[in-house]
Each structure stands twice: as structure tokens, then as C-alpha cells.
Amino acid sequence: MYGKSALMQSAKRLIFPPRCVSCGGLTDTDHGLCAACWRETAFILGAACDKCGAPLPGEAADAADICDDCLTIERPWARGRAALSYTDTARRLVLQLKHGDRTDLAIPAAHWMARAGAAILSPDSLLVPVPMHWTRFVRRRYNQSALLAQELARLTGIGMVPDALVRNRRTRSLEGQGRDERFRTLDTSIGPHPRRGAALAGREVVLVDDVMTSGATLAACAAATLGAGATRICVLVLARAAKDH
């Protein structure tokens, strides 16, 4: 016989059936994608760069593959992973999370990121989101990277410090900037929190962000994290732009 809780869940599903987080159509599970949207979402499931998570041709191999960009750009972190390619449906979902008040998207996104980042996540890791300048936080009301880190911590049981890093100064938008200009814009713009940054010392840190394009933001975070005494840095993002701009 059904228990009271099971009956309530069944009634809830009859009244509020699960909906696809992308198109709103009916789906089998809460916080999921319908079959059509799943097919249209560019999950990174095969070979990927071990440094930045960008998809690579061919099947996943035991040896670490490195993309052309990461062979020429110094990455101040050990390994990186991404759940999605930043195109089509995936791009729309990221933008809805980032600018459209779709904070509910952090729940399925964390599941996708946990799967993509299985090789770099460990019980001893510390999740640290990319920080947002307080003026942008006031305008947007939430930091999407912190939401992703929070859901990842809840899902995996890994520790998280939401404000271990801070933006020392507000920088202009990186939109439209070239790779080198992005790195110059973000140089010294991020540092450890005066008090809570001490939690980084001696830890293996996984930096969490929504999108990696050039990697300039994550590089600034990694430099600050290493400067605060972290022993090893990895990066985990929801989506990876396939080519740096």
C-alpha cells in the first residue's frame, strides 16, 4: 500500500506534472529536459581538453588530451571540465540562468556539472564560486556561479565557501573583448576575502563558474586562490565556448 507521503507525491504530480526546464513540455522527472530538448542540448560526452573542458574530436581516451588553445595559453590550474558546449539550447539555458531570473536552472545544471566533473571532484575538495562585484550583485540580486556551487555542494556533500574570493574593483563587461584584452581587464581584479579567504590555505579548490570563454576570469581567480595558499586548483563550468574570442 502507498504511504501518506507517496500518495501526496502522486497527487502533486497529477496537479503539477514535471515540466521540461527548457521548453515547458511534459517530462518524466522534475528539473529535467524532455527528449527533444535533450537531443538539442550540446552535452560534452566524448573527448575533451583536460585543461579547459572544450570538446575534442574522437572518443574519450585514458591519456589527458589538451586542446590547441591550452597548449599556447598558460592555465594556472591543473584540470578543467565543462558540462555543455555554449551553443543553441545550452546557450539559451545559461543566459536564462544568468540574466533571466531562472535560478531553478541551477538544480539540473549542478547534476550535469557533477557528472562532467566526476574526475576532478573529491570529498576533500573545496568548491569556490567565481565572485561578482557587489554593484552587479545589487542589480542582479544573485550570483549564478554561487548558485551552481551551492547546488553542487548539496548534491555531492563537498564543502563550499561562497565568498572566499571577492572582486577588488568593478571591471567593464568582457562582452566583445578579445582574448588578450580580457586578460588585461581582469588582471589583479580578484583577490581572497580579507577574512574568509583564509579557508583556501592548504586546500584543493574547484573553482565554479557558468561559462568559460577565454579563461581570463578563471585565471584571475586561480591566481588569487593560489596566492591565498591553496595547494591545487581545478575548474568546473556549466558551459564552454568552443573557441576563444
Protein backbone atom coordinates (compact mmCIF):
# COMPACT_ATOMS: atom_id res chain seq x y z
CA MET A 1 0.00 0.00 0.00
CA TYR A 2 1.10 3.53 -0.61
CA GLY A 3 2.15 5.53 2.41
CA LYS A 4 0.83 9.01 3.04
CA SER A 5 3.95 10.61 1.58
CA ALA A 6 3.74 8.57 -1.63
CA LEU A 7 0.07 9.45 -2.05
CA MET A 8 0.83 13.13 -1.60
CA GLN A 9 3.61 12.92 -4.19
CA SER A 10 1.30 11.17 -6.64
CA ALA A 11 -1.38 13.83 -6.11
CA LYS A 12 1.17 16.58 -6.56
CA ARG A 13 2.31 15.08 -9.87
CA LEU A 14 -1.27 14.93 -11.09
CA ILE A 15 -1.81 18.59 -10.26
CA PHE A 16 1.70 19.82 -11.13
CA PRO A 17 3.25 17.34 -13.59
CA PRO A 18 7.02 17.65 -14.21
CA ARG A 19 7.87 20.16 -16.91
CA CYS A 20 10.93 20.45 -19.14
CA VAL A 21 13.20 23.22 -17.85
CA SER A 22 13.84 24.35 -21.42
CA CYS A 23 10.54 24.27 -23.34
CA GLY A 24 7.99 23.71 -20.57
CA GLY A 25 6.67 20.50 -22.10
CA LEU A 26 5.83 17.43 -20.06
CA THR A 27 8.71 15.26 -18.92
CA ASP A 28 9.27 12.27 -16.65
CA THR A 29 11.23 13.92 -13.86
CA ASP A 30 11.39 17.24 -12.05
CA HIS A 31 14.12 19.68 -13.10
CA GLY A 32 14.87 17.76 -16.30
CA LEU A 33 14.77 18.06 -20.07
CA CYS A 34 12.26 16.46 -22.39
CA ALA A 35 13.61 14.06 -25.01
CA ALA A 36 13.54 16.68 -27.77
CA CYS A 37 15.39 19.32 -25.74
CA TRP A 38 17.89 16.75 -24.52
CA ARG A 39 18.79 15.93 -28.12
CA GLU A 40 19.19 19.64 -28.89
CA THR A 41 21.43 20.34 -25.89
CA ALA A 42 25.15 20.03 -26.60
CA PHE A 43 26.38 17.90 -23.70
CA ILE A 44 30.14 17.26 -23.73
CA LEU A 45 30.21 13.47 -23.51
CA GLY A 46 33.21 12.40 -25.60
CA ALA A 47 36.82 13.53 -25.73
CA ALA A 48 37.52 16.87 -24.01
CA CYS A 49 40.51 19.02 -23.17
CA ASP A 50 41.86 18.09 -19.74
CA LYS A 51 42.64 21.75 -19.01
CA CYS A 52 39.54 23.65 -20.11
CA GLY A 53 36.90 21.02 -20.89
CA ALA A 54 36.45 22.04 -24.54
CA PRO A 55 35.11 19.19 -26.69
CA LEU A 56 37.67 17.48 -28.91
CA PRO A 57 37.25 15.17 -31.92
CA GLY A 58 37.13 11.45 -31.27
CA GLU A 59 36.37 9.27 -28.29
CA ALA A 60 37.45 9.89 -24.71
CA ALA A 61 40.91 8.43 -24.04
CA ASP A 62 42.75 7.38 -20.91
CA ALA A 63 45.56 9.85 -21.61
CA ALA A 64 44.92 13.55 -20.97
CA ASP A 65 44.17 15.43 -24.18
CA ILE A 66 45.00 19.14 -24.40
CA CYS A 67 43.40 21.50 -26.93
CA ASP A 68 45.42 23.87 -29.11
CA ASP A 69 44.47 26.92 -27.01
CA CYS A 70 45.66 25.33 -23.78
CA LEU A 71 48.95 24.37 -25.44
CA THR A 72 49.64 28.07 -26.04
CA ILE A 73 47.91 29.75 -23.07
CA GLU A 74 49.24 29.30 -19.56
CA ARG A 75 46.44 27.96 -17.37
CA PRO A 76 47.12 28.46 -13.64
CA TRP A 77 45.06 25.40 -12.75
CA ALA A 78 45.63 21.65 -13.00
CA ARG A 79 42.50 20.32 -14.71
CA GLY A 80 39.18 21.61 -16.05
CA ARG A 81 35.80 20.25 -17.05
CA ALA A 82 32.60 21.60 -18.66
CA ALA A 83 29.16 20.04 -18.91
CA LEU A 84 27.89 21.73 -22.08
CA SER A 85 29.09 23.40 -25.24
CA TYR A 86 27.92 27.01 -25.22
CA THR A 87 25.67 26.74 -28.28
CA ASP A 88 21.97 26.64 -29.16
CA THR A 89 19.77 25.28 -26.33
CA ALA A 90 22.68 25.17 -23.89
CA ARG A 91 23.48 28.84 -24.54
CA ARG A 92 19.85 29.81 -24.04
CA LEU A 93 19.68 27.94 -20.72
CA VAL A 94 22.87 29.59 -19.47
CA LEU A 95 21.59 33.05 -20.41
CA GLN A 96 18.27 32.36 -18.69
CA LEU A 97 20.11 31.37 -15.52
CA LYS A 98 22.44 34.35 -15.75
CA HIS A 99 20.09 37.14 -16.81
CA GLY A 100 16.55 35.76 -16.76
CA ASP A 101 15.96 35.05 -13.06
CA ARG A 102 15.76 31.32 -13.83
CA THR A 103 17.51 30.36 -10.61
CA ASP A 104 15.72 26.99 -10.74
CA LEU A 105 18.08 26.01 -13.57
CA ALA A 106 20.91 25.70 -11.05
CA ILE A 107 19.40 22.39 -9.90
CA PRO A 108 19.64 20.43 -13.18
CA ALA A 109 22.84 22.28 -14.06
CA ALA A 110 24.51 21.02 -10.89
CA HIS A 111 23.63 17.43 -11.82
CA TRP A 112 25.15 17.89 -15.28
CA MET A 113 28.27 19.51 -13.80
CA ALA A 114 28.70 16.81 -11.16
CA ARG A 115 28.67 14.18 -13.89
CA ALA A 116 31.09 16.12 -16.10
CA GLY A 117 33.40 16.90 -13.17
CA ALA A 118 33.50 13.45 -11.59
CA ALA A 119 37.22 13.12 -12.31
CA ILE A 120 38.13 16.37 -10.52
CA LEU A 121 35.67 16.36 -7.62
CA SER A 122 36.70 14.65 -4.40
CA PRO A 123 35.44 14.70 -0.79
CA ASP A 124 38.49 16.78 0.13
CA SER A 125 37.78 19.45 -2.48
CA LEU A 126 36.52 22.91 -1.62
CA LEU A 127 34.03 24.49 -4.03
CA VAL A 128 34.58 28.21 -4.60
CA PRO A 129 32.39 30.22 -7.00
CA VAL A 130 33.70 32.99 -9.21
CA PRO A 131 32.80 36.22 -7.38
CA MET A 132 30.62 39.05 -8.63
CA HIS A 133 31.25 42.72 -7.88
CA TRP A 134 28.78 44.00 -5.31
CA THR A 135 27.31 46.57 -7.70
CA ARG A 136 26.38 43.84 -10.18
CA PHE A 137 25.05 41.69 -7.35
CA VAL A 138 22.73 44.50 -6.23
CA ARG A 139 21.39 44.85 -9.76
CA ARG A 140 21.02 41.11 -10.49
CA ARG A 141 20.17 40.03 -6.90
CA TYR A 142 22.07 36.75 -7.15
CA ASN A 143 25.40 35.34 -8.30
CA GLN A 144 24.70 32.49 -10.72
CA SER A 145 28.11 30.93 -10.07
CA ALA A 146 27.40 30.82 -6.34
CA LEU A 147 24.03 29.17 -7.02
CA LEU A 148 25.76 26.49 -9.08
CA ALA A 149 28.38 25.91 -6.36
CA GLN A 150 25.67 25.75 -3.70
CA GLU A 151 23.70 23.12 -5.61
CA LEU A 152 26.89 21.15 -6.32
CA ALA A 153 27.72 21.18 -2.61
CA ARG A 154 24.23 20.00 -1.72
CA LEU A 155 24.33 17.25 -4.34
CA THR A 156 27.86 15.96 -3.66
CA GLY A 157 28.38 16.76 0.01
CA ILE A 158 31.57 18.65 -0.85
CA GLY A 159 32.34 21.77 1.19
CA MET A 160 31.76 25.23 -0.26
CA VAL A 161 32.78 28.75 0.71
CA PRO A 162 30.57 31.18 -1.25
CA ASP A 163 32.66 34.30 -0.64
CA ALA A 164 36.24 33.05 -0.37
CA LEU A 165 37.07 35.34 -3.32
CA VAL A 166 35.99 38.94 -3.94
CA ARG A 167 36.13 41.40 -6.79
CA ASN A 168 38.51 44.17 -5.78
CA ARG A 169 37.20 46.53 -8.42
CA ARG A 170 34.42 46.65 -10.94
CA THR A 171 35.57 45.87 -14.46
CA ARG A 172 33.78 46.69 -17.68
CA SER A 173 31.88 43.90 -19.41
CA LEU A 174 34.04 41.36 -21.20
CA GLU A 175 31.48 41.08 -23.98
CA GLY A 176 33.11 41.86 -27.30
CA GLN A 177 36.65 41.93 -25.91
CA GLY A 178 39.39 39.82 -27.48
CA ARG A 179 41.30 37.22 -25.52
CA ASP A 180 44.30 39.36 -24.63
CA GLU A 181 42.10 42.32 -23.72
CA ARG A 182 40.05 40.12 -21.38
CA PHE A 183 43.20 39.07 -19.51
CA ARG A 184 44.35 42.70 -19.19
CA THR A 185 40.92 43.82 -17.97
CA LEU A 186 40.81 41.21 -15.21
CA ASP A 187 44.43 41.45 -14.08
CA THR A 188 44.53 41.89 -10.26
CA SER A 189 40.74 42.45 -10.17
CA ILE A 190 40.05 39.41 -7.95
CA GLY A 191 41.51 38.55 -4.55
CA PRO A 192 40.85 36.48 -1.42
CA HIS A 193 38.27 37.76 1.04
CA PRO A 194 40.04 39.59 3.92
CA ARG A 195 38.66 37.07 6.43
CA ARG A 196 37.05 34.10 4.69
CA GLY A 197 39.87 33.80 2.17
CA ALA A 198 41.86 32.05 4.90
CA ALA A 199 39.74 28.95 4.21
CA LEU A 200 41.67 28.48 0.95
CA ALA A 201 45.01 27.78 2.62
CA GLY A 202 46.18 24.20 2.22
CA ARG A 203 43.08 23.14 0.25
CA GLU A 204 42.39 21.59 -3.11
CA VAL A 205 39.98 24.07 -4.68
CA VAL A 206 37.49 23.61 -7.50
CA LEU A 207 36.52 26.96 -9.00
CA VAL A 208 32.91 27.06 -10.25
CA ASP A 209 31.54 29.33 -13.00
CA ASP A 210 28.73 29.37 -15.53
CA VAL A 211 30.73 29.88 -18.75
CA MET A 212 34.38 29.75 -19.77
CA THR A 213 35.25 31.71 -22.89
CA SER A 214 38.89 32.84 -22.86
CA GLY A 215 39.51 31.59 -19.32
CA ALA A 216 40.62 35.06 -18.18
CA THR A 217 38.17 35.24 -15.26
CA LEU A 218 39.10 31.78 -14.02
CA ALA A 219 42.79 32.56 -14.42
CA ALA A 220 42.41 35.64 -12.20
CA CYS A 221 40.52 33.54 -9.63
CA ALA A 222 43.11 30.77 -9.75
CA ALA A 223 45.96 33.23 -9.24
CA ALA A 224 44.20 34.73 -6.21
CA THR A 225 43.42 31.28 -4.82
CA LEU A 226 46.99 30.08 -5.19
CA GLY A 227 48.18 33.33 -3.61
CA ALA A 228 45.96 32.55 -0.61
CA GLY A 229 47.74 29.23 -0.10
CA ALA A 230 45.63 26.69 -1.98
CA THR A 231 47.61 23.60 -2.98
CA ARG A 232 45.84 22.67 -6.21
CA ILE A 233 43.24 24.30 -8.44
CA CYS A 234 40.74 22.72 -10.82
CA VAL A 235 37.92 24.45 -12.68
CA LEU A 236 34.37 23.27 -13.36
CA VAL A 237 31.95 25.24 -15.54
CA LEU A 238 28.46 24.69 -16.80
CA ALA A 239 29.33 25.60 -20.40
CA ARG A 240 32.46 26.04 -22.50
CA ALA A 241 32.62 28.29 -25.54
CA ALA A 242 34.25 26.09 -28.17
CA LYS A 243 36.59 28.78 -29.47
CA ASP A 244 38.16 31.69 -27.59
CA HIS A 245 37.19 35.15 -28.84
